Amino acid sequence: MQQLDTLSTSQYAVMKNGHDNLAHLAEAAVRISVASSLCAYGITGRTDALLYEDGDRTPQTSRQYLTEAMDELDRAAGTYRVLAQNLSRRLASATARAEDQPRIDRALAGPGTTTPPSPLTSPPPAPCAAGSPAARR
């Protein structure tokens, strides 16, 4: 979850589809957490069977938890794989990077701040009015 927090405040969040990608990452993180819990239930069930007389003597319940955990991990891995491929393609594309750069620049400038125009795209200076101090020079 710490990685998700870090990504949510990085340039990744402002790239095209960044927020959607973060939502998918959050889903994958939750799936991993669920899988961890399912593994713990499966292990606890087998431990209880060995330690307590009234424990479930069949391994079926534990196997079911571990199978569900494996399914959740497979789904999370699939989500990570798709997101990694999409991001790799996006970063490899000069057109996509050019599309994302203004978004990143605006995000880095901060809220309410406009990004100053680059020297290549700066508008020409406005002509001086006859009575302005610059015109008197």
N, C-alpha and C. Protein backbone atom coordinates (compact mmCIF):
# COMPACT_ATOMS: atom_id res chain seq x y z
N MET A 1 0.82 -1.19 0.00
CA MET A 1 0.00 0.00 0.00
C MET A 1 0.87 1.26 0.00
N GLN A 2 2.07 1.16 0.56
CA GLN A 2 2.96 2.32 0.58
C GLN A 2 3.35 2.70 -0.85
N GLN A 3 3.58 1.69 -1.70
CA GLN A 3 3.91 1.98 -3.09
C GLN A 3 2.76 2.68 -3.80
N LEU A 4 1.55 2.27 -3.50
CA LEU A 4 0.37 2.90 -4.09
C LEU A 4 0.29 4.36 -3.65
N ASP A 5 0.56 4.63 -2.40
CA ASP A 5 0.56 6.00 -1.90
C ASP A 5 1.63 6.83 -2.61
N THR A 6 2.81 6.25 -2.78
CA THR A 6 3.90 6.96 -3.46
C THR A 6 3.53 7.25 -4.91
N LEU A 7 2.96 6.25 -5.59
CA LEU A 7 2.56 6.46 -6.99
C LEU A 7 1.46 7.49 -7.13
N SER A 8 0.56 7.55 -6.14
CA SER A 8 -0.57 8.48 -6.25
C SER A 8 -0.11 9.94 -6.18
N THR A 9 1.06 10.18 -5.66
CA THR A 9 1.57 11.56 -5.59
C THR A 9 2.72 11.78 -6.56
N SER A 10 2.91 10.86 -7.49
CA SER A 10 4.01 10.97 -8.44
C SER A 10 3.50 11.42 -9.81
N GLN A 11 4.39 11.50 -10.76
CA GLN A 11 4.03 11.86 -12.12
C GLN A 11 3.10 10.82 -12.74
N TYR A 12 3.18 9.60 -12.24
CA TYR A 12 2.35 8.51 -12.76
C TYR A 12 0.87 8.86 -12.68
N ALA A 13 0.48 9.53 -11.61
CA ALA A 13 -0.94 9.85 -11.40
C ALA A 13 -1.47 10.84 -12.42
N VAL A 14 -0.62 11.71 -12.95
CA VAL A 14 -1.10 12.74 -13.87
C VAL A 14 -0.94 12.36 -15.33
N MET A 15 -0.31 11.22 -15.58
CA MET A 15 -0.20 10.76 -16.96
C MET A 15 -1.59 10.38 -17.47
N LYS A 16 -1.73 10.27 -18.78
CA LYS A 16 -3.01 9.88 -19.35
C LYS A 16 -3.43 8.54 -18.75
N ASN A 17 -4.67 8.47 -18.28
CA ASN A 17 -5.25 7.29 -17.63
C ASN A 17 -4.56 6.96 -16.30
N GLY A 18 -3.81 7.88 -15.76
CA GLY A 18 -3.08 7.63 -14.51
C GLY A 18 -3.98 7.26 -13.35
N HIS A 19 -5.09 7.98 -13.20
CA HIS A 19 -5.99 7.69 -12.07
C HIS A 19 -6.68 6.34 -12.25
N ASP A 20 -7.01 5.99 -13.48
CA ASP A 20 -7.59 4.67 -13.73
C ASP A 20 -6.57 3.58 -13.42
N ASN A 21 -5.34 3.81 -13.83
CA ASN A 21 -4.28 2.84 -13.55
C ASN A 21 -4.07 2.69 -12.05
N LEU A 22 -4.11 3.79 -11.33
CA LEU A 22 -3.97 3.72 -9.87
C LEU A 22 -5.11 2.93 -9.24
N ALA A 23 -6.31 3.09 -9.78
CA ALA A 23 -7.45 2.32 -9.26
C ALA A 23 -7.22 0.83 -9.49
N HIS A 24 -6.69 0.47 -10.64
CA HIS A 24 -6.39 -0.94 -10.91
C HIS A 24 -5.28 -1.45 -9.99
N LEU A 25 -4.28 -0.61 -9.74
CA LEU A 25 -3.23 -0.99 -8.80
C LEU A 25 -3.79 -1.20 -7.39
N ALA A 26 -4.70 -0.34 -6.99
CA ALA A 26 -5.33 -0.50 -5.68
C ALA A 26 -6.09 -1.81 -5.61
N GLU A 27 -6.79 -2.14 -6.69
CA GLU A 27 -7.51 -3.41 -6.74
C GLU A 27 -6.55 -4.59 -6.60
N ALA A 28 -5.42 -4.53 -7.30
CA ALA A 28 -4.43 -5.61 -7.22
C ALA A 28 -3.86 -5.71 -5.81
N ALA A 29 -3.62 -4.57 -5.18
CA ALA A 29 -3.10 -4.58 -3.81
C ALA A 29 -4.10 -5.21 -2.85
N VAL A 30 -5.37 -4.92 -3.05
CA VAL A 30 -6.41 -5.52 -2.20
C VAL A 30 -6.46 -7.02 -2.44
N ARG A 31 -6.33 -7.44 -3.69
CA ARG A 31 -6.34 -8.87 -3.99
C ARG A 31 -5.18 -9.59 -3.28
N ILE A 32 -4.03 -8.96 -3.25
CA ILE A 32 -2.88 -9.55 -2.57
C ILE A 32 -3.15 -9.64 -1.07
N SER A 33 -3.77 -8.62 -0.53
CA SER A 33 -4.13 -8.64 0.90
C SER A 33 -5.13 -9.74 1.20
N VAL A 34 -6.12 -9.89 0.33
CA VAL A 34 -7.12 -10.96 0.50
C VAL A 34 -6.43 -12.32 0.42
N ALA A 35 -5.52 -12.48 -0.54
CA ALA A 35 -4.80 -13.75 -0.69
C ALA A 35 -4.00 -14.06 0.57
N SER A 36 -3.39 -13.04 1.14
CA SER A 36 -2.63 -13.23 2.38
C SER A 36 -3.54 -13.72 3.50
N SER A 37 -4.71 -13.12 3.61
CA SER A 37 -5.66 -13.53 4.65
C SER A 37 -6.13 -14.97 4.41
N LEU A 38 -6.40 -15.32 3.15
CA LEU A 38 -6.83 -16.68 2.83
C LEU A 38 -5.75 -17.70 3.18
N CYS A 39 -4.49 -17.34 2.91
CA CYS A 39 -3.38 -18.24 3.28
C CYS A 39 -3.33 -18.42 4.80
N ALA A 40 -3.50 -17.33 5.51
CA ALA A 40 -3.48 -17.41 6.99
C ALA A 40 -4.61 -18.31 7.49
N TYR A 41 -5.81 -18.18 6.90
CA TYR A 41 -6.92 -19.05 7.29
C TYR A 41 -6.60 -20.51 7.00
N GLY A 42 -6.04 -20.76 5.84
CA GLY A 42 -5.70 -22.13 5.47
C GLY A 42 -4.68 -22.74 6.41
N ILE A 43 -3.66 -21.98 6.74
CA ILE A 43 -2.62 -22.47 7.65
C ILE A 43 -3.18 -22.65 9.04
N THR A 44 -3.97 -21.69 9.50
CA THR A 44 -4.57 -21.79 10.83
C THR A 44 -5.48 -23.01 10.94
N GLY A 45 -6.23 -23.28 9.87
CA GLY A 45 -7.12 -24.44 9.87
C GLY A 45 -6.35 -25.74 10.02
N ARG A 46 -5.23 -25.87 9.34
CA ARG A 46 -4.43 -27.10 9.46
C ARG A 46 -3.76 -27.18 10.83
N THR A 47 -3.32 -26.04 11.34
CA THR A 47 -2.70 -26.03 12.67
C THR A 47 -3.72 -26.43 13.73
N ASP A 48 -4.92 -25.88 13.63
CA ASP A 48 -5.99 -26.24 14.58
C ASP A 48 -6.28 -27.73 14.54
N ALA A 49 -6.27 -28.32 13.33
CA ALA A 49 -6.56 -29.75 13.20
C ALA A 49 -5.50 -30.57 13.92
N LEU A 50 -4.28 -30.09 13.91
CA LEU A 50 -3.20 -30.83 14.56
C LEU A 50 -3.16 -30.60 16.07
N LEU A 51 -3.58 -29.42 16.52
CA LEU A 51 -3.46 -29.08 17.94
C LEU A 51 -4.69 -29.40 18.77
N TYR A 52 -5.86 -29.34 18.16
CA TYR A 52 -7.10 -29.48 18.94
C TYR A 52 -7.91 -30.67 18.46
N GLU A 53 -8.50 -31.37 19.39
CA GLU A 53 -9.29 -32.55 19.05
C GLU A 53 -10.51 -32.21 18.19
N ASP A 54 -11.09 -31.04 18.41
CA ASP A 54 -12.30 -30.68 17.66
C ASP A 54 -11.99 -29.95 16.35
N GLY A 55 -10.74 -29.91 15.96
CA GLY A 55 -10.35 -29.25 14.72
C GLY A 55 -10.79 -30.05 13.51
N ASP A 56 -10.92 -29.38 12.38
CA ASP A 56 -11.33 -30.02 11.13
C ASP A 56 -10.22 -30.98 10.70
N ARG A 57 -10.52 -32.27 10.67
CA ARG A 57 -9.51 -33.27 10.35
C ARG A 57 -9.26 -33.42 8.84
N THR A 58 -10.15 -32.88 8.02
CA THR A 58 -9.96 -32.98 6.58
C THR A 58 -9.23 -31.74 6.08
N PRO A 59 -8.31 -31.94 5.19
CA PRO A 59 -7.56 -30.79 4.66
C PRO A 59 -8.33 -30.00 3.60
N GLN A 60 -9.54 -30.43 3.30
CA GLN A 60 -10.31 -29.81 2.22
C GLN A 60 -10.52 -28.31 2.42
N THR A 61 -10.89 -27.90 3.64
CA THR A 61 -11.13 -26.47 3.90
C THR A 61 -9.86 -25.66 3.68
N SER A 62 -8.74 -26.17 4.19
CA SER A 62 -7.47 -25.47 4.00
C SER A 62 -7.10 -25.39 2.54
N ARG A 63 -7.29 -26.47 1.82
CA ARG A 63 -7.00 -26.48 0.37
C ARG A 63 -7.86 -25.46 -0.36
N GLN A 64 -9.11 -25.36 0.06
CA GLN A 64 -10.02 -24.41 -0.59
C GLN A 64 -9.51 -22.98 -0.37
N TYR A 65 -9.11 -22.65 0.87
CA TYR A 65 -8.58 -21.31 1.14
C TYR A 65 -7.32 -21.04 0.31
N LEU A 66 -6.44 -22.03 0.25
CA LEU A 66 -5.19 -21.84 -0.49
C LEU A 66 -5.44 -21.74 -2.00
N THR A 67 -6.42 -22.47 -2.50
CA THR A 67 -6.78 -22.37 -3.92
C THR A 67 -7.35 -20.99 -4.23
N GLU A 68 -8.20 -20.49 -3.35
CA GLU A 68 -8.75 -19.14 -3.54
C GLU A 68 -7.64 -18.10 -3.47
N ALA A 69 -6.68 -18.31 -2.57
CA ALA A 69 -5.55 -17.38 -2.46
C ALA A 69 -4.75 -17.37 -3.75
N MET A 70 -4.52 -18.55 -4.31
CA MET A 70 -3.78 -18.65 -5.57
C MET A 70 -4.54 -17.93 -6.69
N ASP A 71 -5.84 -18.07 -6.73
CA ASP A 71 -6.65 -17.38 -7.75
C ASP A 71 -6.53 -15.87 -7.61
N GLU A 72 -6.59 -15.38 -6.37
CA GLU A 72 -6.46 -13.93 -6.13
C GLU A 72 -5.08 -13.44 -6.56
N LEU A 73 -4.04 -14.20 -6.24
CA LEU A 73 -2.68 -13.81 -6.64
C LEU A 73 -2.53 -13.82 -8.16
N ASP A 74 -3.15 -14.80 -8.82
CA ASP A 74 -3.09 -14.84 -10.29
C ASP A 74 -3.78 -13.61 -10.89
N ARG A 75 -4.92 -13.22 -10.34
CA ARG A 75 -5.62 -12.03 -10.85
C ARG A 75 -4.78 -10.77 -10.61
N ALA A 76 -4.18 -10.67 -9.43
CA ALA A 76 -3.34 -9.51 -9.12
C ALA A 76 -2.14 -9.46 -10.06
N ALA A 77 -1.52 -10.61 -10.30
CA ALA A 77 -0.37 -10.66 -11.21
C ALA A 77 -0.78 -10.25 -12.61
N GLY A 78 -1.94 -10.69 -13.06
CA GLY A 78 -2.44 -10.30 -14.38
C GLY A 78 -2.64 -8.80 -14.48
N THR A 79 -3.20 -8.21 -13.43
CA THR A 79 -3.41 -6.76 -13.41
C THR A 79 -2.07 -6.03 -13.47
N TYR A 80 -1.11 -6.46 -12.65
CA TYR A 80 0.21 -5.83 -12.66
C TYR A 80 0.86 -5.97 -14.04
N ARG A 81 0.74 -7.14 -14.65
CA ARG A 81 1.36 -7.37 -15.95
C ARG A 81 0.79 -6.43 -17.00
N VAL A 82 -0.53 -6.31 -17.05
CA VAL A 82 -1.18 -5.43 -18.04
C VAL A 82 -0.77 -3.98 -17.81
N LEU A 83 -0.79 -3.55 -16.56
CA LEU A 83 -0.41 -2.16 -16.26
C LEU A 83 1.05 -1.90 -16.62
N ALA A 84 1.93 -2.84 -16.32
CA ALA A 84 3.35 -2.67 -16.64
C ALA A 84 3.56 -2.59 -18.15
N GLN A 85 2.86 -3.44 -18.90
CA GLN A 85 2.98 -3.40 -20.36
C GLN A 85 2.47 -2.08 -20.92
N ASN A 86 1.33 -1.63 -20.42
CA ASN A 86 0.77 -0.35 -20.90
C ASN A 86 1.70 0.80 -20.58
N LEU A 87 2.24 0.82 -19.37
CA LEU A 87 3.15 1.90 -19.00
C LEU A 87 4.43 1.84 -19.82
N SER A 88 4.95 0.65 -20.05
CA SER A 88 6.16 0.51 -20.87
C SER A 88 5.94 1.04 -22.28
N ARG A 89 4.79 0.67 -22.86
CA ARG A 89 4.46 1.17 -24.20
C ARG A 89 4.34 2.68 -24.20
N ARG A 90 3.71 3.21 -23.18
CA ARG A 90 3.49 4.65 -23.09
C ARG A 90 4.83 5.38 -22.96
N LEU A 91 5.71 4.87 -22.13
CA LEU A 91 7.01 5.51 -21.94
C LEU A 91 7.91 5.35 -23.17
N ALA A 92 7.70 4.29 -23.95
CA ALA A 92 8.50 4.07 -25.15
C ALA A 92 8.03 4.92 -26.33
N SER A 93 6.85 5.48 -26.23
CA SER A 93 6.28 6.26 -27.32
C SER A 93 6.58 7.74 -27.13
N ALA A 94 7.29 8.32 -28.10
CA ALA A 94 7.60 9.75 -28.03
C ALA A 94 6.33 10.59 -28.06
N THR A 95 5.35 10.16 -28.83
CA THR A 95 4.08 10.89 -28.92
C THR A 95 3.36 10.89 -27.57
N ALA A 96 3.33 9.72 -26.91
CA ALA A 96 2.65 9.63 -25.61
C ALA A 96 3.40 10.44 -24.56
N ARG A 97 4.73 10.40 -24.59
CA ARG A 97 5.51 11.20 -23.62
C ARG A 97 5.25 12.68 -23.84
N ALA A 98 5.18 13.09 -25.10
CA ALA A 98 4.90 14.50 -25.41
C ALA A 98 3.50 14.89 -24.93
N GLU A 99 2.56 13.96 -25.02
CA GLU A 99 1.20 14.21 -24.54
C GLU A 99 1.16 14.33 -23.01
N ASP A 100 1.96 13.53 -22.34
CA ASP A 100 1.97 13.53 -20.88
C ASP A 100 2.78 14.69 -20.28
N GLN A 101 3.77 15.17 -21.00
CA GLN A 101 4.67 16.18 -20.42
C GLN A 101 3.95 17.45 -19.95
N PRO A 102 3.01 18.01 -20.71
CA PRO A 102 2.30 19.19 -20.20
C PRO A 102 1.50 18.88 -18.93
N ARG A 103 0.94 17.69 -18.85
CA ARG A 103 0.21 17.29 -17.64
C ARG A 103 1.15 17.23 -16.44
N ILE A 104 2.31 16.65 -16.66
CA ILE A 104 3.30 16.54 -15.59
C ILE A 104 3.78 17.92 -15.19
N ASP A 105 4.05 18.77 -16.17
CA ASP A 105 4.51 20.13 -15.87
C ASP A 105 3.48 20.90 -15.04
N ARG A 106 2.19 20.77 -15.41
CA ARG A 106 1.13 21.44 -14.63
C ARG A 106 1.08 20.90 -13.21
N ALA A 107 1.22 19.59 -13.06
CA ALA A 107 1.17 19.00 -11.73
C ALA A 107 2.36 19.44 -10.88
N LEU A 108 3.52 19.53 -11.50
CA LEU A 108 4.71 19.96 -10.76
C LEU A 108 4.64 21.43 -10.37
N ALA A 109 3.93 22.22 -11.18
CA ALA A 109 3.81 23.65 -10.89
C ALA A 109 2.95 23.88 -9.65
N GLY A 110 2.08 22.94 -9.35
CA GLY A 110 1.24 23.07 -8.16
C GLY A 110 -0.13 23.59 -8.50
N PRO A 111 -1.06 23.44 -7.56
CA PRO A 111 -2.43 23.89 -7.81
C PRO A 111 -2.51 25.41 -7.92
N GLY A 112 -3.27 25.88 -8.87
CA GLY A 112 -3.48 27.32 -9.02
C GLY A 112 -2.34 28.04 -9.71
N THR A 113 -1.27 27.32 -10.03
CA THR A 113 -0.13 27.93 -10.69
C THR A 113 -0.18 27.56 -12.16
N THR A 114 0.03 28.53 -12.99
CA THR A 114 0.08 28.22 -14.41
C THR A 114 1.52 27.97 -14.80
N THR A 115 1.73 27.04 -15.68
CA THR A 115 3.07 26.72 -16.13
C THR A 115 3.52 27.82 -17.08
N PRO A 116 4.70 28.41 -16.82
CA PRO A 116 5.18 29.45 -17.73
C PRO A 116 5.47 28.85 -19.10
N PRO A 117 5.22 29.60 -20.15
CA PRO A 117 5.48 29.07 -21.48
C PRO A 117 6.97 28.85 -21.68
N SER A 118 7.31 27.84 -22.44
CA SER A 118 8.72 27.57 -22.70
C SER A 118 9.24 28.63 -23.66
N PRO A 119 10.56 28.81 -23.72
CA PRO A 119 11.12 29.84 -24.62
C PRO A 119 10.74 29.61 -26.08
N LEU A 120 10.53 28.36 -26.47
CA LEU A 120 10.19 28.09 -27.87
C LEU A 120 8.75 28.47 -28.20
N THR A 121 7.90 28.49 -27.19
CA THR A 121 6.49 28.79 -27.46
C THR A 121 6.04 30.11 -26.84
N SER A 122 6.97 30.90 -26.34
CA SER A 122 6.60 32.17 -25.73
C SER A 122 6.05 33.12 -26.78
N PRO A 123 4.98 33.82 -26.43
CA PRO A 123 4.46 34.80 -27.40
C PRO A 123 5.42 35.97 -27.53
N PRO A 124 5.40 36.63 -28.67
CA PRO A 124 6.28 37.79 -28.83
C PRO A 124 5.85 38.90 -27.87
N PRO A 125 6.78 39.78 -27.49
CA PRO A 125 6.41 40.87 -26.58
C PRO A 125 5.34 41.77 -27.21
N ALA A 126 4.48 42.27 -26.37
CA ALA A 126 3.42 43.16 -26.84
C ALA A 126 4.05 44.48 -27.27
N PRO A 127 3.50 45.11 -28.31
CA PRO A 127 4.03 46.41 -28.74
C PRO A 127 3.79 47.46 -27.65
N CYS A 128 4.70 48.38 -27.54
CA CYS A 128 4.59 49.42 -26.51
C CYS A 128 3.61 50.50 -26.96
N ALA A 129 2.84 50.95 -26.01
CA ALA A 129 1.92 52.06 -26.28
C ALA A 129 2.75 53.35 -26.33
N ALA A 130 2.26 54.35 -27.03
CA ALA A 130 3.00 55.60 -27.24
C ALA A 130 3.36 56.27 -25.94
N GLY A 131 2.54 56.21 -24.90
CA GLY A 131 2.82 56.92 -23.66
C GLY A 131 3.47 56.04 -22.60
N SER A 132 3.83 54.82 -22.90
CA SER A 132 4.37 53.93 -21.88
C SER A 132 5.85 54.25 -21.64
N PRO A 133 6.38 53.91 -20.46
CA PRO A 133 7.78 54.18 -20.15
C PRO A 133 8.72 53.51 -21.14
N ALA A 134 8.39 52.32 -21.62
CA ALA A 134 9.26 51.62 -22.55
C ALA A 134 9.33 52.36 -23.89
N ALA A 135 8.25 53.00 -24.28
CA ALA A 135 8.22 53.73 -25.56
C ALA A 135 9.02 55.01 -25.48
N ARG A 136 9.19 55.58 -24.28
CA ARG A 136 9.92 56.83 -24.14
C ARG A 136 11.43 56.63 -24.20
N ARG A 137 11.91 55.44 -24.08
CA ARG A 137 13.36 55.19 -24.07
C ARG A 137 13.97 55.41 -25.39
